[in-house]
Amino acid sequence: MDAYIELQLLPDPEFPARMLMNTLFAKLHRGLVSYGAGDIGVSFPEHGNTGLGTRLRLHGSASALASLQAQNWLQGMRDHCQIGAISQAPTTAPQRLVRRVQAKSSPERVQCRLLKRRLARGDTPEVASAALAHVPAQKLLKLPYLVLNSHSTGQQFRLFIEHGPLQPQAQSGPFSAYGLSHSATVPWF
């Protein structure tokens, strides 16, 4: 993780910054899927309780970032963001884990599974429905998120992103096709 590229969204009177970041990240995801090496991470330097901000950093080796950029994954977004050059990351920067966080299954999904299980077990519909009253309320995450579309189901979903505490040492590991990891850190500066 010795290099990075910074992408800064430009103000646009027609599209809010959150919508542009969703689009930019969706394009990045498709680019990372095509690239396929799992050695590029992301961070959002302006993240906070209200959102992820207008800056996105890609972290990796200079050669990995150059390979990703050669794929032209930014097609259609170049007018909406300022793209920095591949630059050297500060060697003294602390490290941070940037990962995806998923809430437990939604209450509707849990209720549906429970109802099917109870009916398959032979419970009457009344008894099975009464069991639904004991399903806990949905746990709400208070993290910034992106809204993406699933290519497999076509449904929209929220990709919640957590920036972990600062760490003095880098941790290596694989990155997902979202540029997120549960073990690898990225430089934080």
N, C-alpha and C. Protein backbone atom coordinates (compact mmCIF):
# COMPACT_ATOMS: atom_id res chain seq x y z
N MET A 1 0.83 -1.18 0.00
CA MET A 1 0.00 0.00 0.00
C MET A 1 0.88 1.25 0.00
N ASP A 2 1.79 1.31 -0.93
CA ASP A 2 2.71 2.44 -0.93
C ASP A 2 2.29 3.56 -1.87
N ALA A 3 1.20 3.38 -2.60
CA ALA A 3 0.74 4.40 -3.54
C ALA A 3 -0.77 4.59 -3.40
N TYR A 4 -1.25 5.70 -3.95
CA TYR A 4 -2.68 5.97 -3.91
C TYR A 4 -3.08 6.87 -5.08
N ILE A 5 -4.36 6.87 -5.35
CA ILE A 5 -4.99 7.80 -6.30
C ILE A 5 -6.16 8.43 -5.56
N GLU A 6 -6.28 9.74 -5.65
CA GLU A 6 -7.41 10.41 -5.01
C GLU A 6 -8.38 10.90 -6.07
N LEU A 7 -9.65 10.64 -5.86
CA LEU A 7 -10.71 11.10 -6.74
C LEU A 7 -11.59 12.06 -5.93
N GLN A 8 -11.76 13.25 -6.44
CA GLN A 8 -12.56 14.29 -5.79
C GLN A 8 -13.77 14.58 -6.65
N LEU A 9 -14.96 14.39 -6.11
CA LEU A 9 -16.17 14.71 -6.85
C LEU A 9 -16.27 16.23 -7.02
N LEU A 10 -16.69 16.65 -8.19
CA LEU A 10 -16.88 18.07 -8.47
C LEU A 10 -18.34 18.43 -8.18
N PRO A 11 -18.59 19.66 -7.71
CA PRO A 11 -19.98 20.07 -7.48
C PRO A 11 -20.77 20.02 -8.79
N ASP A 12 -21.98 19.55 -8.71
CA ASP A 12 -22.83 19.45 -9.89
C ASP A 12 -24.23 19.93 -9.51
N PRO A 13 -24.78 20.92 -10.24
CA PRO A 13 -26.10 21.43 -9.88
C PRO A 13 -27.23 20.43 -10.13
N GLU A 14 -26.99 19.43 -10.98
CA GLU A 14 -28.05 18.48 -11.31
C GLU A 14 -28.05 17.23 -10.43
N PHE A 15 -26.89 16.87 -9.90
CA PHE A 15 -26.79 15.63 -9.14
C PHE A 15 -26.18 15.89 -7.77
N PRO A 16 -26.81 15.42 -6.70
CA PRO A 16 -26.21 15.58 -5.37
C PRO A 16 -24.94 14.73 -5.26
N ALA A 17 -24.05 15.15 -4.38
CA ALA A 17 -22.77 14.46 -4.21
C ALA A 17 -22.96 12.99 -3.83
N ARG A 18 -23.95 12.71 -3.00
CA ARG A 18 -24.19 11.31 -2.57
C ARG A 18 -24.51 10.42 -3.78
N MET A 19 -25.32 10.93 -4.70
CA MET A 19 -25.67 10.16 -5.89
C MET A 19 -24.44 9.94 -6.77
N LEU A 20 -23.62 10.97 -6.89
CA LEU A 20 -22.40 10.83 -7.69
C LEU A 20 -21.44 9.82 -7.07
N MET A 21 -21.33 9.84 -5.73
CA MET A 21 -20.45 8.87 -5.06
C MET A 21 -20.97 7.46 -5.25
N ASN A 22 -22.29 7.27 -5.19
CA ASN A 22 -22.86 5.94 -5.43
C ASN A 22 -22.49 5.45 -6.83
N THR A 23 -22.61 6.33 -7.81
CA THR A 23 -22.29 5.98 -9.20
C THR A 23 -20.81 5.70 -9.37
N LEU A 24 -19.98 6.57 -8.80
CA LEU A 24 -18.53 6.39 -8.89
C LEU A 24 -18.13 5.05 -8.27
N PHE A 25 -18.67 4.74 -7.12
CA PHE A 25 -18.30 3.50 -6.43
C PHE A 25 -18.80 2.27 -7.20
N ALA A 26 -19.98 2.37 -7.79
CA ALA A 26 -20.49 1.25 -8.60
C ALA A 26 -19.55 0.98 -9.78
N LYS A 27 -19.06 2.03 -10.40
CA LYS A 27 -18.11 1.86 -11.51
C LYS A 27 -16.80 1.28 -11.00
N LEU A 28 -16.34 1.75 -9.84
CA LEU A 28 -15.12 1.20 -9.25
C LEU A 28 -15.30 -0.29 -8.97
N HIS A 29 -16.43 -0.66 -8.41
CA HIS A 29 -16.70 -2.07 -8.11
C HIS A 29 -16.58 -2.92 -9.38
N ARG A 30 -17.20 -2.46 -10.47
CA ARG A 30 -17.11 -3.22 -11.72
C ARG A 30 -15.66 -3.28 -12.22
N GLY A 31 -14.92 -2.19 -12.04
CA GLY A 31 -13.51 -2.18 -12.42
C GLY A 31 -12.68 -3.15 -11.59
N LEU A 32 -12.95 -3.19 -10.28
CA LEU A 32 -12.22 -4.11 -9.40
C LEU A 32 -12.57 -5.56 -9.69
N VAL A 33 -13.82 -5.82 -10.08
CA VAL A 33 -14.21 -7.18 -10.45
C VAL A 33 -13.42 -7.60 -11.69
N SER A 34 -13.34 -6.72 -12.69
CA SER A 34 -12.59 -7.03 -13.91
C SER A 34 -11.10 -7.18 -13.62
N TYR A 35 -10.57 -6.31 -12.77
CA TYR A 35 -9.16 -6.35 -12.41
C TYR A 35 -8.84 -7.65 -11.66
N GLY A 36 -9.63 -7.97 -10.67
CA GLY A 36 -9.62 -9.28 -10.03
C GLY A 36 -8.47 -9.66 -9.13
N ALA A 37 -7.52 -8.79 -8.83
CA ALA A 37 -6.35 -9.21 -8.06
C ALA A 37 -6.54 -9.12 -6.54
N GLY A 38 -7.49 -8.34 -6.06
CA GLY A 38 -7.73 -8.24 -4.61
C GLY A 38 -6.64 -7.52 -3.84
N ASP A 39 -5.89 -6.64 -4.53
CA ASP A 39 -4.80 -5.94 -3.85
C ASP A 39 -4.97 -4.42 -3.86
N ILE A 40 -6.20 -3.95 -4.09
CA ILE A 40 -6.49 -2.51 -4.06
C ILE A 40 -7.57 -2.26 -3.01
N GLY A 41 -7.26 -1.32 -2.11
CA GLY A 41 -8.19 -0.95 -1.06
C GLY A 41 -8.71 0.45 -1.27
N VAL A 42 -9.77 0.80 -0.56
CA VAL A 42 -10.36 2.13 -0.66
C VAL A 42 -10.45 2.76 0.72
N SER A 43 -10.57 4.08 0.73
CA SER A 43 -10.90 4.82 1.94
C SER A 43 -11.65 6.07 1.53
N PHE A 44 -12.36 6.63 2.49
CA PHE A 44 -13.14 7.84 2.29
C PHE A 44 -12.67 8.87 3.31
N PRO A 45 -11.71 9.72 2.94
CA PRO A 45 -11.10 10.65 3.90
C PRO A 45 -12.08 11.61 4.57
N GLU A 46 -13.23 11.86 3.97
CA GLU A 46 -14.20 12.80 4.53
C GLU A 46 -15.37 12.10 5.22
N HIS A 47 -15.26 10.81 5.49
CA HIS A 47 -16.39 10.08 6.05
C HIS A 47 -16.80 10.67 7.40
N GLY A 48 -18.06 10.48 7.70
CA GLY A 48 -18.61 10.95 8.97
C GLY A 48 -19.97 10.34 9.18
N ASN A 49 -20.68 10.79 10.19
CA ASN A 49 -22.00 10.24 10.49
C ASN A 49 -23.02 10.55 9.40
N THR A 50 -22.80 11.62 8.65
CA THR A 50 -23.79 12.01 7.65
C THR A 50 -23.51 11.42 6.28
N GLY A 51 -22.36 10.84 6.08
CA GLY A 51 -22.07 10.25 4.78
C GLY A 51 -20.59 10.00 4.58
N LEU A 52 -20.25 9.64 3.36
CA LEU A 52 -18.87 9.30 3.04
C LEU A 52 -18.08 10.45 2.46
N GLY A 53 -18.74 11.56 2.20
CA GLY A 53 -18.03 12.74 1.68
C GLY A 53 -17.90 12.72 0.17
N THR A 54 -16.98 13.54 -0.33
CA THR A 54 -16.83 13.71 -1.78
C THR A 54 -15.46 13.24 -2.28
N ARG A 55 -14.68 12.61 -1.40
CA ARG A 55 -13.37 12.11 -1.83
C ARG A 55 -13.29 10.60 -1.64
N LEU A 56 -12.67 9.96 -2.61
CA LEU A 56 -12.45 8.52 -2.58
C LEU A 56 -10.98 8.29 -2.87
N ARG A 57 -10.32 7.51 -2.04
CA ARG A 57 -8.91 7.17 -2.27
C ARG A 57 -8.79 5.70 -2.59
N LEU A 58 -8.01 5.41 -3.59
CA LEU A 58 -7.66 4.03 -3.94
C LEU A 58 -6.24 3.80 -3.47
N HIS A 59 -6.00 2.70 -2.77
CA HIS A 59 -4.69 2.39 -2.21
C HIS A 59 -4.19 1.07 -2.79
N GLY A 60 -2.90 1.03 -3.08
CA GLY A 60 -2.28 -0.19 -3.58
C GLY A 60 -0.87 0.11 -4.01
N SER A 61 -0.28 -0.81 -4.74
CA SER A 61 1.03 -0.54 -5.33
C SER A 61 0.82 0.32 -6.56
N ALA A 62 1.87 1.01 -6.98
CA ALA A 62 1.76 1.86 -8.18
C ALA A 62 1.39 1.02 -9.40
N SER A 63 1.95 -0.17 -9.51
CA SER A 63 1.65 -1.02 -10.68
C SER A 63 0.20 -1.51 -10.64
N ALA A 64 -0.31 -1.86 -9.46
CA ALA A 64 -1.71 -2.31 -9.35
C ALA A 64 -2.66 -1.18 -9.72
N LEU A 65 -2.38 0.02 -9.23
CA LEU A 65 -3.25 1.16 -9.53
C LEU A 65 -3.18 1.52 -11.02
N ALA A 66 -2.00 1.42 -11.61
CA ALA A 66 -1.87 1.69 -13.05
C ALA A 66 -2.65 0.66 -13.86
N SER A 67 -2.62 -0.59 -13.44
CA SER A 67 -3.38 -1.64 -14.14
C SER A 67 -4.88 -1.38 -14.06
N LEU A 68 -5.34 -0.96 -12.88
CA LEU A 68 -6.76 -0.65 -12.73
C LEU A 68 -7.14 0.53 -13.62
N GLN A 69 -6.33 1.58 -13.61
CA GLN A 69 -6.63 2.77 -14.40
C GLN A 69 -6.61 2.47 -15.90
N ALA A 70 -5.83 1.51 -16.32
CA ALA A 70 -5.76 1.15 -17.74
C ALA A 70 -7.07 0.53 -18.23
N GLN A 71 -7.91 0.10 -17.31
CA GLN A 71 -9.18 -0.53 -17.69
C GLN A 71 -10.26 0.48 -18.07
N ASN A 72 -10.01 1.75 -17.88
CA ASN A 72 -10.98 2.79 -18.23
C ASN A 72 -12.30 2.62 -17.49
N TRP A 73 -12.23 2.24 -16.22
CA TRP A 73 -13.44 2.03 -15.42
C TRP A 73 -14.16 3.33 -15.11
N LEU A 74 -13.49 4.47 -15.30
CA LEU A 74 -14.09 5.78 -15.00
C LEU A 74 -14.92 6.35 -16.14
N GLN A 75 -15.10 5.59 -17.19
CA GLN A 75 -15.86 6.08 -18.34
C GLN A 75 -17.23 6.59 -17.89
N GLY A 76 -17.56 7.81 -18.28
CA GLY A 76 -18.82 8.42 -17.91
C GLY A 76 -18.76 9.25 -16.63
N MET A 77 -17.68 9.12 -15.88
CA MET A 77 -17.54 9.87 -14.61
C MET A 77 -16.46 10.94 -14.68
N ARG A 78 -15.70 10.96 -15.73
CA ARG A 78 -14.56 11.89 -15.81
C ARG A 78 -14.99 13.35 -15.73
N ASP A 79 -16.20 13.67 -16.20
CA ASP A 79 -16.70 15.04 -16.11
C ASP A 79 -17.17 15.40 -14.71
N HIS A 80 -17.33 14.39 -13.86
CA HIS A 80 -17.88 14.61 -12.52
C HIS A 80 -16.85 14.53 -11.41
N CYS A 81 -15.61 14.22 -11.75
CA CYS A 81 -14.60 14.14 -10.70
C CYS A 81 -13.22 14.54 -11.20
N GLN A 82 -12.45 15.01 -10.27
CA GLN A 82 -11.05 15.34 -10.53
C GLN A 82 -10.25 14.12 -10.11
N ILE A 83 -9.42 13.63 -11.02
CA ILE A 83 -8.68 12.40 -10.79
C ILE A 83 -7.20 12.75 -10.58
N GLY A 84 -6.70 12.42 -9.43
CA GLY A 84 -5.30 12.69 -9.14
C GLY A 84 -4.40 11.66 -9.80
N ALA A 85 -3.13 11.98 -9.86
CA ALA A 85 -2.14 11.05 -10.39
C ALA A 85 -1.81 10.00 -9.34
N ILE A 86 -1.20 8.93 -9.79
CA ILE A 86 -0.71 7.93 -8.84
C ILE A 86 0.41 8.60 -8.05
N SER A 87 0.25 8.63 -6.72
CA SER A 87 1.20 9.32 -5.85
C SER A 87 1.70 8.38 -4.78
N GLN A 88 2.81 8.75 -4.20
CA GLN A 88 3.39 7.97 -3.11
C GLN A 88 2.65 8.29 -1.82
N ALA A 89 2.23 7.27 -1.10
CA ALA A 89 1.57 7.45 0.20
C ALA A 89 2.62 7.81 1.25
N PRO A 90 2.27 8.65 2.21
CA PRO A 90 3.23 8.97 3.27
C PRO A 90 3.63 7.71 4.05
N THR A 91 4.92 7.53 4.24
CA THR A 91 5.40 6.32 4.92
C THR A 91 5.12 6.34 6.41
N THR A 92 4.91 7.52 6.97
CA THR A 92 4.66 7.62 8.42
C THR A 92 3.17 7.65 8.77
N ALA A 93 2.32 7.50 7.77
CA ALA A 93 0.87 7.58 8.02
C ALA A 93 0.40 6.40 8.87
N PRO A 94 -0.50 6.65 9.81
CA PRO A 94 -1.09 5.53 10.54
C PRO A 94 -1.95 4.70 9.57
N GLN A 95 -2.37 3.56 10.03
CA GLN A 95 -3.14 2.64 9.21
C GLN A 95 -4.58 2.56 9.73
N ARG A 96 -5.47 2.16 8.85
CA ARG A 96 -6.87 2.05 9.25
C ARG A 96 -7.53 0.92 8.46
N LEU A 97 -8.35 0.17 9.15
CA LEU A 97 -9.14 -0.88 8.53
C LEU A 97 -10.42 -0.25 7.99
N VAL A 98 -10.73 -0.47 6.73
CA VAL A 98 -11.97 0.03 6.14
C VAL A 98 -12.72 -1.21 5.67
N ARG A 99 -13.86 -1.45 6.30
CA ARG A 99 -14.55 -2.71 6.04
C ARG A 99 -16.05 -2.52 5.84
N ARG A 100 -16.65 -3.55 5.27
CA ARG A 100 -18.10 -3.59 5.11
C ARG A 100 -18.71 -4.15 6.39
N VAL A 101 -19.82 -3.57 6.79
CA VAL A 101 -20.56 -4.06 7.94
C VAL A 101 -21.97 -4.37 7.46
N GLN A 102 -22.44 -5.55 7.79
CA GLN A 102 -23.79 -5.95 7.40
C GLN A 102 -24.64 -6.16 8.64
N ALA A 103 -25.83 -5.60 8.61
CA ALA A 103 -26.77 -5.81 9.71
C ALA A 103 -27.31 -7.23 9.62
N LYS A 104 -27.75 -7.72 10.74
CA LYS A 104 -28.39 -9.03 10.71
C LYS A 104 -29.60 -8.95 9.79
N SER A 105 -30.07 -10.07 9.40
CA SER A 105 -31.17 -10.15 8.45
C SER A 105 -32.36 -9.27 8.85
N SER A 106 -33.07 -8.76 7.88
CA SER A 106 -34.21 -7.90 8.16
C SER A 106 -35.32 -8.69 8.85
N PRO A 107 -36.14 -8.02 9.64
CA PRO A 107 -37.22 -8.72 10.34
C PRO A 107 -38.17 -9.45 9.38
N GLU A 108 -38.41 -8.85 8.22
CA GLU A 108 -39.32 -9.49 7.25
C GLU A 108 -38.75 -10.83 6.78
N ARG A 109 -37.44 -10.86 6.52
CA ARG A 109 -36.80 -12.09 6.06
C ARG A 109 -36.81 -13.13 7.17
N VAL A 110 -36.53 -12.70 8.39
CA VAL A 110 -36.53 -13.62 9.52
C VAL A 110 -37.95 -14.18 9.74
N GLN A 111 -38.95 -13.31 9.65
CA GLN A 111 -40.33 -13.75 9.83
C GLN A 111 -40.73 -14.76 8.75
N CYS A 112 -40.34 -14.49 7.51
CA CYS A 112 -40.67 -15.40 6.40
C CYS A 112 -40.05 -16.77 6.63
N ARG A 113 -38.77 -16.80 7.02
CA ARG A 113 -38.11 -18.08 7.29
C ARG A 113 -38.76 -18.82 8.45
N LEU A 114 -39.09 -18.07 9.50
CA LEU A 114 -39.71 -18.68 10.66
C LEU A 114 -41.08 -19.26 10.31
N LEU A 115 -41.86 -18.50 9.56
CA LEU A 115 -43.19 -18.96 9.17
C LEU A 115 -43.09 -20.24 8.33
N LYS A 116 -42.18 -20.26 7.37
CA LYS A 116 -42.01 -21.46 6.53
C LYS A 116 -41.59 -22.66 7.38
N ARG A 117 -40.66 -22.42 8.31
CA ARG A 117 -40.17 -23.51 9.16
C ARG A 117 -41.29 -24.06 10.04
N ARG A 118 -42.09 -23.16 10.63
CA ARG A 118 -43.17 -23.60 11.51
C ARG A 118 -44.25 -24.35 10.74
N LEU A 119 -44.57 -23.85 9.53
CA LEU A 119 -45.59 -24.55 8.73
C LEU A 119 -45.08 -25.91 8.27
N ALA A 120 -43.79 -25.99 7.91
CA ALA A 120 -43.22 -27.27 7.49
C ALA A 120 -43.20 -28.26 8.64
N ARG A 121 -43.07 -27.74 9.85
CA ARG A 121 -43.06 -28.58 11.04
C ARG A 121 -44.45 -29.11 11.38
N GLY A 122 -45.48 -28.53 10.76
CA GLY A 122 -46.84 -29.01 11.00
C GLY A 122 -47.67 -28.09 11.85
N ASP A 123 -47.15 -26.94 12.23
CA ASP A 123 -47.94 -25.98 13.01
C ASP A 123 -49.08 -25.44 12.16
N THR A 124 -50.16 -25.09 12.83
CA THR A 124 -51.26 -24.46 12.11
C THR A 124 -50.85 -23.04 11.76
N PRO A 125 -51.48 -22.45 10.74
CA PRO A 125 -51.13 -21.06 10.39
C PRO A 125 -51.28 -20.09 11.56
N GLU A 126 -52.27 -20.32 12.43
CA GLU A 126 -52.47 -19.43 13.57
C GLU A 126 -51.31 -19.53 14.56
N VAL A 127 -50.88 -20.74 14.85
CA VAL A 127 -49.77 -20.95 15.79
C VAL A 127 -48.48 -20.39 15.19
N ALA A 128 -48.27 -20.66 13.89
CA ALA A 128 -47.06 -20.16 13.22
C ALA A 128 -47.05 -18.64 13.22
N SER A 129 -48.19 -18.01 12.96
CA SER A 129 -48.26 -16.55 12.94
C SER A 129 -48.03 -15.96 14.32
N ALA A 130 -48.48 -16.64 15.36
CA ALA A 130 -48.27 -16.15 16.73
C ALA A 130 -46.78 -16.13 17.07
N ALA A 131 -46.01 -17.03 16.50
CA ALA A 131 -44.57 -17.07 16.77
C ALA A 131 -43.85 -15.85 16.19
N LEU A 132 -44.46 -15.23 15.19
CA LEU A 132 -43.83 -14.08 14.56
C LEU A 132 -43.73 -12.87 15.49
N ALA A 133 -44.57 -12.84 16.50
CA ALA A 133 -44.55 -11.71 17.43
C ALA A 133 -43.26 -11.65 18.23
N HIS A 134 -42.51 -12.74 18.27
CA HIS A 134 -41.29 -12.81 19.05
C HIS A 134 -40.03 -12.47 18.24
N VAL A 135 -40.21 -12.09 16.99
CA VAL A 135 -39.05 -11.73 16.17
C VAL A 135 -38.58 -10.35 16.60
N PRO A 136 -37.28 -10.20 16.92
CA PRO A 136 -36.78 -8.90 17.37
C PRO A 136 -36.84 -7.85 16.27
N ALA A 137 -36.87 -6.60 16.70
CA ALA A 137 -36.88 -5.49 15.74
C ALA A 137 -35.55 -5.44 15.00
N GLN A 138 -35.58 -4.85 13.84
CA GLN A 138 -34.39 -4.75 13.01
C GLN A 138 -33.33 -3.89 13.69
N LYS A 139 -32.10 -4.34 13.61
CA LYS A 139 -30.98 -3.58 14.16
C LYS A 139 -30.59 -2.54 13.10
N LEU A 140 -30.65 -1.27 13.48
CA LEU A 140 -30.29 -0.21 12.55
C LEU A 140 -28.83 0.16 12.72
N LEU A 141 -28.12 0.23 11.60
CA LEU A 141 -26.72 0.62 11.63
C LEU A 141 -26.62 2.13 11.50
N LYS A 142 -25.74 2.71 12.27
CA LYS A 142 -25.53 4.16 12.21
C LYS A 142 -24.17 4.41 11.58
N LEU A 143 -23.99 3.88 10.39
CA LEU A 143 -22.75 4.04 9.64
C LEU A 143 -23.06 4.68 8.30
N PRO A 144 -22.08 5.38 7.72
CA PRO A 144 -22.29 5.89 6.37
C PRO A 144 -22.39 4.72 5.39
N TYR A 145 -23.09 4.95 4.30
CA TYR A 145 -23.30 3.85 3.34
C TYR A 145 -23.39 4.39 1.91
N LEU A 146 -23.25 3.44 1.00
CA LEU A 146 -23.47 3.69 -0.43
C LEU A 146 -24.71 2.91 -0.82
N VAL A 147 -25.44 3.41 -1.80
CA VAL A 147 -26.58 2.68 -2.33
C VAL A 147 -26.16 2.13 -3.68
N LEU A 148 -26.17 0.81 -3.79
CA LEU A 148 -25.74 0.13 -5.01
C LEU A 148 -26.85 -0.78 -5.52
N ASN A 149 -26.72 -1.18 -6.77
CA ASN A 149 -27.66 -2.14 -7.36
C ASN A 149 -26.97 -3.48 -7.51
N SER A 150 -27.63 -4.53 -7.09
CA SER A 150 -27.10 -5.87 -7.25
C SER A 150 -27.26 -6.30 -8.70
N HIS A 151 -26.18 -6.77 -9.30
CA HIS A 151 -26.28 -7.24 -10.69
C HIS A 151 -26.98 -8.59 -10.76
N SER A 152 -26.93 -9.37 -9.68
CA SER A 152 -27.55 -10.68 -9.71
C SER A 152 -29.06 -10.61 -9.48
N THR A 153 -29.51 -9.74 -8.57
CA THR A 153 -30.95 -9.68 -8.26
C THR A 153 -31.63 -8.44 -8.83
N GLY A 154 -30.85 -7.42 -9.16
CA GLY A 154 -31.43 -6.17 -9.66
C GLY A 154 -31.95 -5.27 -8.56
N GLN A 155 -31.85 -5.71 -7.29
CA GLN A 155 -32.36 -4.92 -6.18
C GLN A 155 -31.30 -3.95 -5.66
N GLN A 156 -31.79 -2.84 -5.11
CA GLN A 156 -30.89 -1.90 -4.47
C GLN A 156 -30.56 -2.39 -3.07
N PHE A 157 -29.34 -2.09 -2.63
CA PHE A 157 -28.96 -2.42 -1.27
C PHE A 157 -28.00 -1.36 -0.75
N ARG A 158 -27.89 -1.31 0.56
CA ARG A 158 -26.97 -0.37 1.20
C ARG A 158 -25.69 -1.10 1.57
N LEU A 159 -24.58 -0.52 1.18
CA LEU A 159 -23.27 -1.04 1.53
C LEU A 159 -22.73 -0.15 2.65
N PHE A 160 -22.86 -0.64 3.90
CA PHE A 160 -22.41 0.13 5.06
C PHE A 160 -20.90 0.00 5.20
N ILE A 161 -20.24 1.13 5.45
CA ILE A 161 -18.78 1.14 5.51
C ILE A 161 -18.33 1.70 6.85
N GLU A 162 -17.45 0.95 7.50
CA GLU A 162 -16.90 1.36 8.78
C GLU A 162 -15.40 1.61 8.64
N HIS A 163 -14.97 2.75 9.13
CA HIS A 163 -13.54 3.07 9.22
C HIS A 163 -13.14 2.75 10.65
N GLY A 164 -12.30 1.75 10.82
CA GLY A 164 -11.89 1.32 12.15
C GLY A 164 -10.94 2.30 12.81
N PRO A 165 -10.51 1.99 14.03
CA PRO A 165 -9.58 2.87 14.75
C PRO A 165 -8.22 2.89 14.06
N LEU A 166 -7.47 3.96 14.31
CA LEU A 166 -6.13 4.08 13.76
C LEU A 166 -5.22 3.02 14.38
N GLN A 167 -4.33 2.49 13.56
CA GLN A 167 -3.40 1.47 14.00
C GLN A 167 -1.99 1.89 13.60
N PRO A 168 -1.00 1.59 14.42
CA PRO A 168 0.37 2.02 14.09
C PRO A 168 1.02 1.18 13.00
N GLN A 169 0.62 -0.08 12.87
CA GLN A 169 1.26 -0.99 11.92
C GLN A 169 0.29 -1.41 10.81
N ALA A 170 0.85 -1.57 9.62
CA ALA A 170 0.05 -2.06 8.49
C ALA A 170 -0.25 -3.54 8.68
N GLN A 171 -1.42 -3.95 8.28
CA GLN A 171 -1.82 -5.35 8.29
C GLN A 171 -2.10 -5.75 6.85
N SER A 172 -1.54 -6.84 6.41
CA SER A 172 -1.77 -7.27 5.03
C SER A 172 -2.95 -8.23 4.98
N GLY A 173 -3.47 -8.42 3.79
CA GLY A 173 -4.59 -9.31 3.58
C GLY A 173 -5.29 -8.97 2.29
N PRO A 174 -6.27 -9.75 1.90
CA PRO A 174 -6.97 -9.51 0.64
C PRO A 174 -8.04 -8.43 0.78
N PHE A 175 -8.33 -7.80 -0.36
CA PHE A 175 -9.42 -6.83 -0.44
C PHE A 175 -10.51 -7.43 -1.32
N SER A 176 -11.75 -7.11 -0.98
CA SER A 176 -12.89 -7.59 -1.77
C SER A 176 -13.00 -6.81 -3.07
N ALA A 177 -13.96 -7.17 -3.87
CA ALA A 177 -14.23 -6.45 -5.12
C ALA A 177 -14.84 -5.08 -4.85
N TYR A 178 -15.04 -4.75 -3.58
CA TYR A 178 -15.45 -3.40 -3.20
C TYR A 178 -14.25 -2.60 -2.68
N GLY A 179 -13.08 -3.22 -2.61
CA GLY A 179 -11.90 -2.55 -2.09
C GLY A 179 -11.91 -2.48 -0.57
N LEU A 180 -12.71 -3.31 0.07
CA LEU A 180 -12.84 -3.34 1.53
C LEU A 180 -12.24 -4.63 2.06
N SER A 181 -11.85 -4.63 3.33
CA SER A 181 -11.23 -5.82 3.90
C SER A 181 -11.54 -5.91 5.38
N HIS A 182 -11.60 -7.15 5.87
CA HIS A 182 -11.78 -7.39 7.31
C HIS A 182 -10.44 -7.61 7.99
N SER A 183 -9.34 -7.60 7.21
CA SER A 183 -8.04 -7.83 7.83
C SER A 183 -6.97 -6.85 7.37
N ALA A 184 -7.02 -6.37 6.14
CA ALA A 184 -5.97 -5.50 5.61
C ALA A 184 -6.27 -4.03 5.89
N THR A 185 -5.23 -3.29 6.20
CA THR A 185 -5.37 -1.85 6.47
C THR A 185 -4.89 -1.04 5.27
N VAL A 186 -5.29 0.23 5.27
CA VAL A 186 -4.82 1.20 4.28
C VAL A 186 -4.23 2.38 5.02
N PRO A 187 -3.28 3.10 4.40
CA PRO A 187 -2.73 4.28 5.06
C PRO A 187 -3.81 5.34 5.24
N TRP A 188 -3.80 6.00 6.38
CA TRP A 188 -4.78 7.04 6.68
C TRP A 188 -4.07 8.39 6.83
N PHE A 189 -4.35 9.26 5.88
CA PHE A 189 -3.74 10.59 5.91
C PHE A 189 -4.68 11.61 5.33
